[in-house]
Every structure is written in C-alpha cells, then in structure tokens.
C-alpha atoms as a PDB file:
ATOM      1  CA  MET A   1     164.194 163.535 229.089  1.00  0.00           C
ATOM      2  CA  SER A   2     166.986 166.103 229.355  1.00  0.00           C
ATOM      3  CA  GLY A   3     170.620 166.876 228.770  1.00  0.00           C
ATOM      4  CA  ILE A   4     170.826 165.950 225.066  1.00  0.00           C
ATOM      5  CA  PHE A   5     169.836 168.109 222.086  1.00  0.00           C
ATOM      6  CA  GLU A   6     170.410 167.247 218.419  1.00  0.00           C
ATOM      7  CA  SER A   7     172.613 164.276 219.395  1.00  0.00           C
ATOM      8  CA  LYS A   8     174.930 166.359 221.575  1.00  0.00           C
ATOM      9  CA  SER A   9     175.165 166.713 225.341  1.00  0.00           C
ATOM     10  CA  LEU A  10     174.227 170.128 226.701  1.00  0.00           C
ATOM     11  CA  GLY A  11     176.318 170.005 229.844  1.00  0.00           C
ATOM     12  CA  THR A  12     173.187 169.703 231.952  1.00  0.00           C
ATOM     13  CA  PRO A  13     172.080 166.473 233.701  1.00  0.00           C
ATOM     14  CA  ILE A  14     171.067 163.708 231.292  1.00  0.00           C
ATOM     15  CA  GLY A  15     167.779 162.199 232.437  1.00  0.00           C
ATOM     16  CA  PHE A  16     166.043 159.144 231.005  1.00  0.00           C
ATOM     17  CA  ILE A  17     163.247 156.675 231.697  1.00  0.00           C
ATOM     18  CA  ILE A  18     163.265 152.972 230.804  1.00  0.00           C
ATOM     19  CA  LYS A  19     159.730 151.599 230.728  1.00  0.00           C
ATOM     20  CA  ASN A  20     159.141 147.932 231.530  1.00  0.00           C
ATOM     21  CA  ASN A  21     156.167 146.867 229.448  1.00  0.00           C
ATOM     22  CA  ASP A  22     156.471 143.184 230.339  1.00  0.00           C
ATOM     23  CA  ALA A  23     156.303 143.184 234.130  1.00  0.00           C
ATOM     24  CA  LYS A  24     154.633 140.201 235.798  1.00  0.00           C
ATOM     25  CA  PRO A  25     154.433 140.969 239.541  1.00  0.00           C
ATOM     26  CA  LYS A  26     151.990 138.090 240.156  1.00  0.00           C
ATOM     27  CA  ASP A  27     154.851 135.643 239.542  1.00  0.00           C
ATOM     28  CA  TYR A  28     156.262 136.727 242.913  1.00  0.00           C
ATOM     29  CA  SER A  29     153.100 136.552 245.035  1.00  0.00           C
ATOM     30  CA  HIS A  30     154.204 133.305 246.721  1.00  0.00           C
ATOM     31  CA  LEU A  31     157.270 135.143 248.081  1.00  0.00           C
ATOM     32  CA  LYS A  32     155.326 137.827 249.912  1.00  0.00           C
ATOM     33  CA  ASP A  33     155.919 136.358 253.368  1.00  0.00           C
ATOM     34  CA  SER A  34     158.822 133.944 252.747  1.00  0.00           C
ATOM     35  CA  TYR A  35     162.545 134.482 252.365  1.00  0.00           C
ATOM     36  CA  ARG A  36     164.454 132.881 249.519  1.00  0.00           C
ATOM     37  CA  PRO A  37     167.692 131.207 250.714  1.00  0.00           C
ATOM     38  CA  SER A  38     170.802 133.302 249.890  1.00  0.00           C
ATOM     39  CA  HIS A  39     168.614 136.131 248.543  1.00  0.00           C
ATOM     40  CA  ALA A  40     168.349 139.704 249.845  1.00  0.00           C
ATOM     41  CA  ASP A  41     164.701 139.166 250.841  1.00  0.00           C
ATOM     42  CA  PHE A  42     165.666 138.783 254.494  1.00  0.00           C
ATOM     43  CA  THR A  43     168.345 141.460 254.788  1.00  0.00           C
ATOM     44  CA  TYR A  44     166.302 144.133 252.984  1.00  0.00           C
ATOM     45  CA  GLU A  45     163.347 143.566 255.288  1.00  0.00           C
ATOM     46  CA  LYS A  46     165.562 143.712 258.365  1.00  0.00           C
ATOM     47  CA  LYS A  47     167.178 146.955 257.215  1.00  0.00           C
ATOM     48  CA  TYR A  48     164.096 148.825 255.979  1.00  0.00           C
ATOM     49  CA  GLY A  49     161.261 147.140 257.841  1.00  0.00           C
ATOM     50  CA  LEU A  50     159.496 146.208 254.615  1.00  0.00           C
ATOM     51  CA  ARG A  51     160.292 145.046 251.089  1.00  0.00           C
ATOM     52  CA  ASP A  52     158.748 144.905 247.655  1.00  0.00           C
ATOM     53  CA  HIS A  53     158.471 141.204 246.894  1.00  0.00           C
ATOM     54  CA  ARG A  54     157.307 141.732 243.286  1.00  0.00           C
ATOM     55  CA  GLY A  55     160.709 141.389 241.646  1.00  0.00           C
ATOM     56  CA  GLY A  56     161.528 144.993 240.812  1.00  0.00           C
ATOM     57  CA  GLY A  57     163.507 146.077 243.862  1.00  0.00           C
ATOM     58  CA  ARG A  58     167.140 147.097 244.097  1.00  0.00           C
ATOM     59  CA  SER A  59     168.232 143.506 244.633  1.00  0.00           C
ATOM     60  CA  SER A  60     166.818 142.701 241.185  1.00  0.00           C
ATOM     61  CA  ALA A  61     169.110 142.715 238.159  1.00  0.00           C
ATOM     62  CA  ARG A  62     166.552 145.037 236.543  1.00  0.00           C
ATOM     63  CA  GLU A  63     168.235 147.755 238.594  1.00  0.00           C
ATOM     64  CA  THR A  64     171.320 147.446 236.391  1.00  0.00           C
ATOM     65  CA  ALA A  65     169.544 148.706 233.248  1.00  0.00           C
ATOM     66  CA  CYS A  66     170.220 152.309 234.247  1.00  0.00           C
ATOM     67  CA  ARG A  67     173.891 151.483 234.761  1.00  0.00           C
ATOM     68  CA  VAL A  68     174.144 150.246 231.179  1.00  0.00           C
ATOM     69  CA  VAL A  69     172.695 153.514 229.874  1.00  0.00           C
ATOM     70  CA  ALA A  70     175.146 155.585 231.922  1.00  0.00           C
ATOM     71  CA  GLY A  71     178.001 153.278 230.961  1.00  0.00           C
ATOM     72  CA  THR A  72     177.183 153.714 227.284  1.00  0.00           C
ATOM     73  CA  LEU A  73     177.620 157.474 227.671  1.00  0.00           C
ATOM     74  CA  ALA A  74     180.907 156.936 229.511  1.00  0.00           C
ATOM     75  CA  LYS A  75     182.084 154.634 226.712  1.00  0.00           C
ATOM     76  CA  GLN A  76     181.515 157.380 224.149  1.00  0.00           C
ATOM     77  CA  LEU A  77     183.692 159.729 226.193  1.00  0.00           C
ATOM     78  CA  LEU A  78     186.408 157.101 226.558  1.00  0.00           C
ATOM     79  CA  ASN A  79     186.344 156.191 222.865  1.00  0.00           C
ATOM     80  CA  LEU A  80     187.398 159.752 222.097  1.00  0.00           C
ATOM     81  CA  GLN A  81     190.492 159.064 224.205  1.00  0.00           C
ATOM     82  CA  GLY A  82     191.232 155.843 222.301  1.00  0.00           C
ATOM     83  CA  VAL A  83     190.005 153.578 225.106  1.00  0.00           C
ATOM     84  CA  THR A  84     187.945 150.476 224.261  1.00  0.00           C
ATOM     85  CA  ILE A  85     186.272 148.144 226.748  1.00  0.00           C
ATOM     86  CA  SER A  86     185.214 144.541 226.200  1.00  0.00           C
ATOM     87  CA  ALA A  87     183.870 141.875 228.536  1.00  0.00           C
ATOM     88  CA  TYR A  88     183.027 138.234 227.934  1.00  0.00           C
ATOM     89  CA  VAL A  89     181.966 135.102 229.765  1.00  0.00           C
ATOM     90  CA  SER A  90     185.113 133.149 230.620  1.00  0.00           C
ATOM     91  CA  GLN A  91     183.572 130.481 232.844  1.00  0.00           C
ATOM     92  CA  VAL A  92     180.225 128.790 233.433  1.00  0.00           C
ATOM     93  CA  GLY A  93     180.350 126.208 236.214  1.00  0.00           C
ATOM     94  CA  THR A  94     183.254 123.896 235.414  1.00  0.00           C
ATOM     95  CA  VAL A  95     183.442 125.003 231.763  1.00  0.00           C
ATOM     96  CA  LYS A  96     186.388 127.413 231.548  1.00  0.00           C
ATOM     97  CA  LEU A  97     187.929 129.437 228.743  1.00  0.00           C
ATOM     98  CA  ASN A  98     191.610 128.979 229.504  1.00  0.00           C
ATOM     99  CA  LYS A  99     192.991 131.473 226.981  1.00  0.00           C
ATOM    100  CA  CYS A 100     194.574 134.906 227.226  1.00  0.00           C
ATOM    101  CA  HIS A 101     192.388 137.692 225.840  1.00  0.00           C
ATOM    102  CA  LYS A 102     195.102 138.482 223.298  1.00  0.00           C
ATOM    103  CA  ASP A 103     194.595 135.037 221.759  1.00  0.00           C
ATOM    104  CA  LEU A 104     190.846 135.596 221.260  1.00  0.00           C
ATOM    105  CA  ASP A 105     188.773 137.292 218.583  1.00  0.00           C
ATOM    106  CA  LEU A 106     186.728 139.612 220.778  1.00  0.00           C
ATOM    107  CA  SER A 107     184.483 140.531 217.834  1.00  0.00           C
ATOM    108  CA  LYS A 108     182.823 137.121 218.326  1.00  0.00           C
ATOM    109  CA  ILE A 109     181.635 137.841 221.879  1.00  0.00           C
ATOM    110  CA  HIS A 110     178.070 138.601 220.830  1.00  0.00           C
ATOM    111  CA  SER A 111     177.873 135.951 218.121  1.00  0.00           C
ATOM    112  CA  ASN A 112     176.475 133.349 220.529  1.00  0.00           C
ATOM    113  CA  LEU A 113     174.105 133.043 223.490  1.00  0.00           C
ATOM    114  CA  ALA A 114     176.914 132.524 225.988  1.00  0.00           C
ATOM    115  CA  ARG A 115     178.712 135.765 225.021  1.00  0.00           C
ATOM    116  CA  CYS A 116     182.006 133.917 224.871  1.00  0.00           C
ATOM    117  CA  PRO A 117     184.503 134.719 222.058  1.00  0.00           C
ATOM    118  CA  ASP A 118     185.566 131.078 221.663  1.00  0.00           C
ATOM    119  CA  ILE A 119     182.732 129.414 219.720  1.00  0.00           C
ATOM    120  CA  GLU A 120     183.510 125.850 220.787  1.00  0.00           C
ATOM    121  CA  VAL A 121     183.749 126.760 224.450  1.00  0.00           C
ATOM    122  CA  ALA A 122     180.570 128.833 224.056  1.00  0.00           C
ATOM    123  CA  LYS A 123     178.711 125.734 222.869  1.00  0.00           C
ATOM    124  CA  GLN A 124     179.863 123.854 225.967  1.00  0.00           C
ATOM    125  CA  MET A 125     178.703 126.740 228.167  1.00  0.00           C
ATOM    126  CA  VAL A 126     175.251 126.808 226.560  1.00  0.00           C
ATOM    127  CA  ALA A 127     174.946 123.032 226.978  1.00  0.00           C
ATOM    128  CA  GLU A 128     175.919 123.334 230.645  1.00  0.00           C
ATOM    129  CA  ILE A 129     173.320 126.059 231.269  1.00  0.00           C
ATOM    130  CA  GLU A 130     170.601 124.076 229.507  1.00  0.00           C
ATOM    131  CA  LYS A 131     171.453 120.971 231.543  1.00  0.00           C
ATOM    132  CA  ILE A 132     171.208 122.951 234.775  1.00  0.00           C
ATOM    133  CA  GLN A 133     167.963 124.593 233.687  1.00  0.00           C
ATOM    134  CA  GLU A 134     166.317 121.229 233.022  1.00  0.00           C
ATOM    135  CA  LYS A 135     166.955 120.317 236.655  1.00  0.00           C
ATOM    136  CA  GLY A 136     165.432 123.579 237.901  1.00  0.00           C
ATOM    137  CA  ASP A 137     168.809 124.539 239.345  1.00  0.00           C
ATOM    138  CA  THR A 138     171.166 127.488 238.708  1.00  0.00           C
ATOM    139  CA  ILE A 139     174.886 127.938 238.098  1.00  0.00           C
ATOM    140  CA  GLY A 140     177.534 130.651 238.453  1.00  0.00           C
ATOM    141  CA  GLY A 141     180.762 131.546 236.678  1.00  0.00           C
ATOM    142  CA  GLU A 142     183.097 134.376 235.734  1.00  0.00           C
ATOM    143  CA  ILE A 143     183.237 137.340 233.355  1.00  0.00           C
ATOM    144  CA  THR A 144     186.548 138.783 232.165  1.00  0.00           C
ATOM    145  CA  SER A 145     186.903 142.485 231.353  1.00  0.00           C
ATOM    146  CA  ILE A 146     189.556 144.000 229.067  1.00  0.00           C
ATOM    147  CA  SER A 147     190.283 147.732 228.706  1.00  0.00           C
ATOM    148  CA  VAL A 148     192.694 148.695 225.933  1.00  0.00           C
ATOM    149  CA  GLY A 149     194.213 152.128 225.349  1.00  0.00           C
ATOM    150  CA  VAL A 150     194.151 153.471 228.912  1.00  0.00           C
ATOM    151  CA  PRO A 151     197.238 155.708 229.159  1.00  0.00           C
ATOM    152  CA  ALA A 152     199.667 155.653 232.054  1.00  0.00           C
ATOM    153  CA  GLY A 153     198.731 157.950 234.914  1.00  0.00           C
ATOM    154  CA  TRP A 154     195.033 157.328 235.643  1.00  0.00           C
ATOM    155  CA  GLY A 155     194.224 156.536 239.273  1.00  0.00           C
ATOM    156  CA  GLU A 156     195.113 157.746 242.750  1.00  0.00           C
ATOM    157  CA  PRO A 157     197.864 156.371 245.003  1.00  0.00           C
ATOM    158  CA  VAL A 158     196.061 155.526 248.254  1.00  0.00           C
ATOM    159  CA  PHE A 159     192.317 155.366 248.948  1.00  0.00           C
ATOM    160  CA  ASP A 160     191.165 155.843 245.358  1.00  0.00           C
ATOM    161  CA  LYS A 161     193.413 153.342 243.634  1.00  0.00           C
ATOM    162  CA  LEU A 162     192.176 152.555 240.143  1.00  0.00           C
ATOM    163  CA  HIS A 163     191.822 148.830 240.759  1.00  0.00           C
ATOM    164  CA  ALA A 164     190.097 149.504 244.098  1.00  0.00           C
ATOM    165  CA  GLY A 165     187.502 151.609 242.270  1.00  0.00           C
ATOM    166  CA  LEU A 166     187.000 148.863 239.713  1.00  0.00           C
ATOM    167  CA  GLY A 167     186.655 146.273 242.470  1.00  0.00           C
ATOM    168  CA  LYS A 168     184.057 148.323 244.329  1.00  0.00           C
ATOM    169  CA  ALA A 169     182.105 148.888 241.113  1.00  0.00           C
ATOM    170  CA  MET A 170     182.079 145.196 240.231  1.00  0.00           C
ATOM    171  CA  LEU A 171     181.115 144.098 243.736  1.00  0.00           C
ATOM    172  CA  SER A 172     178.147 146.474 243.596  1.00  0.00           C
ATOM    173  CA  ILE A 173     176.614 144.412 240.770  1.00  0.00           C
ATOM    174  CA  ASN A 174     173.905 141.965 241.819  1.00  0.00           C
ATOM    175  CA  ALA A 175     175.152 138.385 242.379  1.00  0.00           C
ATOM    176  CA  VAL A 176     178.850 139.322 242.259  1.00  0.00           C
ATOM    177  CA  LYS A 177     180.892 137.578 244.952  1.00  0.00           C
ATOM    178  CA  GLY A 178     184.469 137.958 243.790  1.00  0.00           C
ATOM    179  CA  PHE A 179     186.927 140.244 241.968  1.00  0.00           C
ATOM    180  CA  LYS A 180     190.298 139.021 240.668  1.00  0.00           C
ATOM    181  CA  PHE A 181     192.642 141.622 239.273  1.00  0.00           C
ATOM    182  CA  GLY A 182     195.580 140.852 236.965  1.00  0.00           C
ATOM    183  CA  PHE A 183     197.901 137.839 237.006  1.00  0.00           C
ATOM    184  CA  GLY A 184     196.051 136.047 234.185  1.00  0.00           C
ATOM    185  CA  GLY A 185     195.303 132.788 235.936  1.00  0.00           C
ATOM    186  CA  VAL A 186     198.610 132.646 237.827  1.00  0.00           C
ATOM    187  CA  ASP A 187     198.326 131.958 241.567  1.00  0.00           C
ATOM    188  CA  ILE A 188     199.877 135.145 242.932  1.00  0.00           C
ATOM    189  CA  ALA A 189     199.881 133.892 246.535  1.00  0.00           C
ATOM    190  CA  SER A 190     202.277 131.058 245.693  1.00  0.00           C
ATOM    191  CA  SER A 191     204.343 132.877 243.051  1.00  0.00           C
ATOM    192  CA  LYS A 192     207.887 134.262 243.313  1.00  0.00           C
ATOM    193  CA  GLY A 193     208.707 137.845 242.387  1.00  0.00           C
ATOM    194  CA  SER A 194     211.154 136.571 239.773  1.00  0.00           C
ATOM    195  CA  GLU A 195     208.254 134.732 238.131  1.00  0.00           C
ATOM    196  CA  VAL A 196     205.677 137.518 237.985  1.00  0.00           C
ATOM    197  CA  ASN A 197     207.540 140.838 237.879  1.00  0.00           C
ATOM    198  CA  ASP A 198     206.715 142.724 234.668  1.00  0.00           C
ATOM    199  CA  ILE A 199     209.984 143.629 232.944  1.00  0.00           C
ATOM    200  CA  PHE A 200     209.990 147.057 231.252  1.00  0.00           C
ATOM    201  CA  ILE A 201     210.927 147.079 227.575  1.00  0.00           C
ATOM    202  CA  ASP A 202     210.691 150.843 226.927  1.00  0.00           C
ATOM    203  CA  ASN A 203     210.287 154.140 228.778  1.00  0.00           C
ATOM    204  CA  LYS A 204     206.605 154.441 227.835  1.00  0.00           C
ATOM    205  CA  GLY A 205     205.534 151.756 230.284  1.00  0.00           C
ATOM    206  CA  ALA A 206     205.380 148.766 227.934  1.00  0.00           C
ATOM    207  CA  THR A 207     206.317 145.525 229.684  1.00  0.00           C
ATOM    208  CA  LYS A 208     207.312 142.054 228.545  1.00  0.00           C
ATOM    209  CA  SER A 209     204.499 140.500 230.581  1.00  0.00           C
ATOM    210  CA  ASN A 210     201.414 142.003 232.185  1.00  0.00           C
ATOM    211  CA  PHE A 211     200.838 140.173 235.448  1.00  0.00           C
ATOM    212  CA  SER A 212     200.052 143.558 237.029  1.00  0.00           C
ATOM    213  CA  GLY A 213     196.914 143.833 234.913  1.00  0.00           C
ATOM    214  CA  GLY A 214     197.786 147.305 233.652  1.00  0.00           C
ATOM    215  CA  ILE A 215     197.826 148.966 237.083  1.00  0.00           C
ATOM    216  CA  GLN A 216     200.650 149.442 239.583  1.00  0.00           C
ATOM    217  CA  GLY A 217     200.417 151.365 242.825  1.00  0.00           C
ATOM    218  CA  GLY A 218     196.796 152.125 242.036  1.00  0.00           C
ATOM    219  CA  ILE A 219     197.727 153.971 238.835  1.00  0.00           C
ATOM    220  CA  SER A 220     197.449 152.746 235.230  1.00  0.00           C
ATOM    221  CA  ASN A 221     200.771 151.944 233.544  1.00  0.00           C
ATOM    222  CA  GLY A 222     199.639 152.020 229.902  1.00  0.00           C
ATOM    223  CA  ASN A 223     199.195 148.268 229.422  1.00  0.00           C
ATOM    224  CA  ASP A 224     195.878 146.460 228.978  1.00  0.00           C
ATOM    225  CA  ILE A 225     193.739 146.499 232.123  1.00  0.00           C
ATOM    226  CA  TYR A 226     192.105 143.146 232.794  1.00  0.00           C
ATOM    227  CA  PHE A 227     190.257 141.453 235.623  1.00  0.00           C
ATOM    228  CA  SER A 228     187.683 138.738 236.301  1.00  0.00           C
ATOM    229  CA  VAL A 229     184.372 139.010 238.137  1.00  0.00           C
ATOM    230  CA  ALA A 230     182.848 135.976 239.884  1.00  0.00           C
ATOM    231  CA  PHE A 231     179.049 135.615 239.900  1.00  0.00           C
ATOM    232  CA  LYS A 232     177.198 133.282 242.235  1.00  0.00           C
ATOM    233  CA  PRO A 233     174.392 130.969 241.063  1.00  0.00           C
ATOM    234  CA  VAL A 234     170.976 132.679 241.014  1.00  0.00           C
ATOM    235  CA  SER A 235     169.225 132.314 244.386  1.00  0.00           C
ATOM    236  CA  THR A 236     165.756 131.632 242.965  1.00  0.00           C
ATOM    237  CA  LEU A 237     165.545 127.933 242.067  1.00  0.00           C
ATOM    238  CA  MET A 238     162.775 126.251 240.098  1.00  0.00           C
ATOM    239  CA  MET A 239     162.797 123.466 242.653  1.00  0.00           C
ATOM    240  CA  SER A 240     161.614 123.111 246.222  1.00  0.00           C
ATOM    241  CA  GLN A 241     163.743 124.702 248.948  1.00  0.00           C
ATOM    242  CA  LYS A 242     163.238 124.787 252.688  1.00  0.00           C
ATOM    243  CA  THR A 243     163.128 128.231 254.296  1.00  0.00           C
ATOM    244  CA  VAL A 244     161.228 130.272 256.872  1.00  0.00           C
ATOM    245  CA  ASN A 245     158.544 132.932 256.581  1.00  0.00           C
ATOM    246  CA  LYS A 246     158.427 136.277 258.389  1.00  0.00           C
ATOM    247  CA  ASP A 247     156.824 134.581 261.413  1.00  0.00           C
ATOM    248  CA  GLY A 248     159.720 132.127 261.712  1.00  0.00           C
ATOM    249  CA  VAL A 249     157.646 129.165 260.564  1.00  0.00           C
ATOM    250  CA  ARG A 250     159.518 126.626 258.402  1.00  0.00           C
ATOM    251  CA  VAL A 251     158.004 126.411 254.926  1.00  0.00           C
ATOM    252  CA  GLU A 252     158.935 125.270 251.424  1.00  0.00           C
ATOM    253  CA  ILE A 253     159.100 127.529 248.368  1.00  0.00           C
ATOM    254  CA  GLU A 254     159.696 126.994 244.661  1.00  0.00           C
ATOM    255  CA  GLY A 255     160.485 129.631 242.061  1.00  0.00           C
ATOM    256  CA  LYS A 256     157.812 130.541 239.539  1.00  0.00           C
ATOM    257  CA  GLY A 257     157.784 132.648 236.386  1.00  0.00           C
ATOM    258  CA  ARG A 258     160.928 133.903 234.653  1.00  0.00           C
ATOM    259  CA  HIS A 259     164.229 133.335 236.413  1.00  0.00           C
ATOM    260  CA  ASP A 260     167.560 132.836 234.666  1.00  0.00           C
ATOM    261  CA  PRO A 261     169.455 129.613 235.388  1.00  0.00           C
ATOM    262  CA  CYS A 262     172.666 131.615 234.831  1.00  0.00           C
ATOM    263  CA  VAL A 263     173.144 135.406 234.872  1.00  0.00           C
ATOM    264  CA  LEU A 264     176.551 135.439 233.183  1.00  0.00           C
ATOM    265  CA  PRO A 265     175.511 136.166 229.557  1.00  0.00           C
ATOM    266  CA  ARG A 266     173.196 138.988 230.654  1.00  0.00           C
ATOM    267  CA  ALA A 267     175.830 140.499 232.930  1.00  0.00           C
ATOM    268  CA  VAL A 268     178.443 141.124 230.215  1.00  0.00           C
ATOM    269  CA  PRO A 269     177.153 144.623 229.273  1.00  0.00           C
ATOM    270  CA  ILE A 270     176.789 145.466 232.981  1.00  0.00           C
ATOM    271  CA  VAL A 271     180.453 144.695 233.658  1.00  0.00           C
ATOM    272  CA  GLU A 272     181.427 146.770 230.626  1.00  0.00           C
ATOM    273  CA  ALA A 273     179.252 149.668 231.796  1.00  0.00           C
ATOM    274  CA  MET A 274     180.647 149.735 235.326  1.00  0.00           C
ATOM    275  CA  THR A 275     184.195 149.521 233.974  1.00  0.00           C
ATOM    276  CA  ALA A 276     183.476 152.495 231.718  1.00  0.00           C
ATOM    277  CA  LEU A 277     182.019 154.576 234.542  1.00  0.00           C
ATOM    278  CA  VAL A 278     185.082 154.050 236.744  1.00  0.00           C
ATOM    279  CA  LEU A 279     187.555 154.742 233.941  1.00  0.00           C
ATOM    280  CA  ALA A 280     185.636 157.859 232.869  1.00  0.00           C
ATOM    281  CA  ASP A 281     185.787 159.206 236.420  1.00  0.00           C
ATOM    282  CA  HIS A 282     189.538 158.679 236.596  1.00  0.00           C
ATOM    283  CA  TYR A 283     190.022 160.196 233.144  1.00  0.00           C
ATOM    284  CA  LEU A 284     188.271 163.377 234.306  1.00  0.00           C
ATOM    285  CA  ARG A 285     190.291 163.394 237.516  1.00  0.00           C
ATOM    286  CA  SER A 286     193.512 163.039 235.532  1.00  0.00           C
ATOM    287  CA  LYS A 287     192.592 166.174 233.577  1.00  0.00           C
ATOM    288  CA  THR A 288     191.990 168.067 236.814  1.00  0.00           C
ATOM    289  CA  ASN A 289     195.347 166.979 238.238  1.00  0.00           C
ATOM    290  CA  LYS A 290     197.167 168.570 235.296  1.00  0.00           C
ATOM    291  CA  ILE A 291     195.589 172.001 235.640  1.00  0.00           C
END
C-alpha cells in the first residue's frame, strides 16, 4: 500500500494488506459459548468482555502472517550486513534431532514437510505427526534458530540484553511455552564452569566452544547465535473434551474444520521473522551508539 516504490523503500511507513480468501468462520460456530481447554478463549473474554470465536483473533496463528512480512524486510536489511538467519524443526514429540547445527545441511530445511534439515529424522517426525493426527490428538516440539554473521557489540547490558529481546519475541508467538538460549543441549544447571566456559582463540571474539550461544552479558560476541523455542501441542483437539460454557455449565466439545495436529513446521518462518526483527532493531541501535 505504501512505503515502497520501484522496488526500493521510500523511508516512509511500509503498509500492506494480506487478504484471506479461504476463511471458514462457520467451522467455529460450536465454540461461540464454550471455552477450549488450554486455549485463550477464556482469558480473552475475561480481559475484554467479549471475543471473536470465528478463528481469526489475535490468539490465532493467522496473526503471525504480518510478522513474517515485517521479518522478511528485516532480513533484507540484515543480509546487507552479512547476517543470515535459519530456523528448523529440531523436535516433534519424542523424535529429536540430536545434532549441532554446524553438522547439518541447512539448505535442506524446506525440502520436506517437517522442515527439518536431516531427511531421515524428518521422515520420523512426519510419521509421528500423522500418527497423532489419526487419533485426533495434537503434539508439540521445538524449533532451533541459528543466526550467522552477527558482529560483536550488538545488544544492551542491562534491561535490553540481546538474548532477553529474543526471548521476549519468541514467547510472544502463539503456542510458545519455552525459550532455551545457548549451551547446545548441555544441562547448564548441573555443569561446572571448567566444562562450559568458552575459551578465546583470538582477539576478534572467536572461541573454541560456543556454549554462550553467541551472546555474553547481553551483547553479541561475534559467534553464531543459537537458541531453541518450545511449542505446546495445539489446544483444539479433533476429539471430545470436557469443558464449561460461559454460564459455567459443564459441556463437551470437539474440534471441527481445519486445525493442525502440530504447529512446528508452520512456525519455522515465524521464528526466523521474529529473530530478524530483534536483530535489526539492535543493529540500528548499534549504529546510533557509535554516533
């Protein structure tokens, strides 16, 4: 709508509209007066006094489409600084990808339905999702994000630490319940400093290991930034669940229409987008600090 002319930004606000031509609000009519267990139906109504039960509210993953657009613009800015961002599904239920990102071919992320760079593990993930879907149930998992090329010096030392900003951004995504930064699968709570300290190997910030995840003291140190985001199972089940309606009467509900048994594959570009938005903000702030 605005802000872009002949493929270049004008410096004015960039506005856009994403039209949904395949909306099916009738699929949600049975939820008009009932609250889905573990869903935001109840809390939204208590906060605002009413809610849109038709599936397009802010608790819907449809809300994240605009984030992906904005994140794509942020990625273009970051690419000019030599920064690349990738995310992939690293766990679905009990199926885990127990490999370091450096041992993976990240170009294969989008070569399969699971959006996992290890093809064999991806097949297991797809099989797990299909098995859960047949039962009318849902399943959660984790997405890993990798940012390469971030120079040392991005981030703020106290309230706006770089990893704190990333954590807040990830936890703002629908269905996210956890954020794990750095340490690559090592249990930091039971580790010794001698086991996880990152030994410097030059004066540019390169380290022998990267348990810190590329950030120390809230500021990037020049190494790869990586973290994992935990997603809960989707609340809407295609099976009967006991709940209550707005009058407090106990009822049973069952999901209808289109509901994913697992959000992980769809959430990969959302995690990438939110990572890009946070890094772009801190890149711009780093420029301001040097003036």
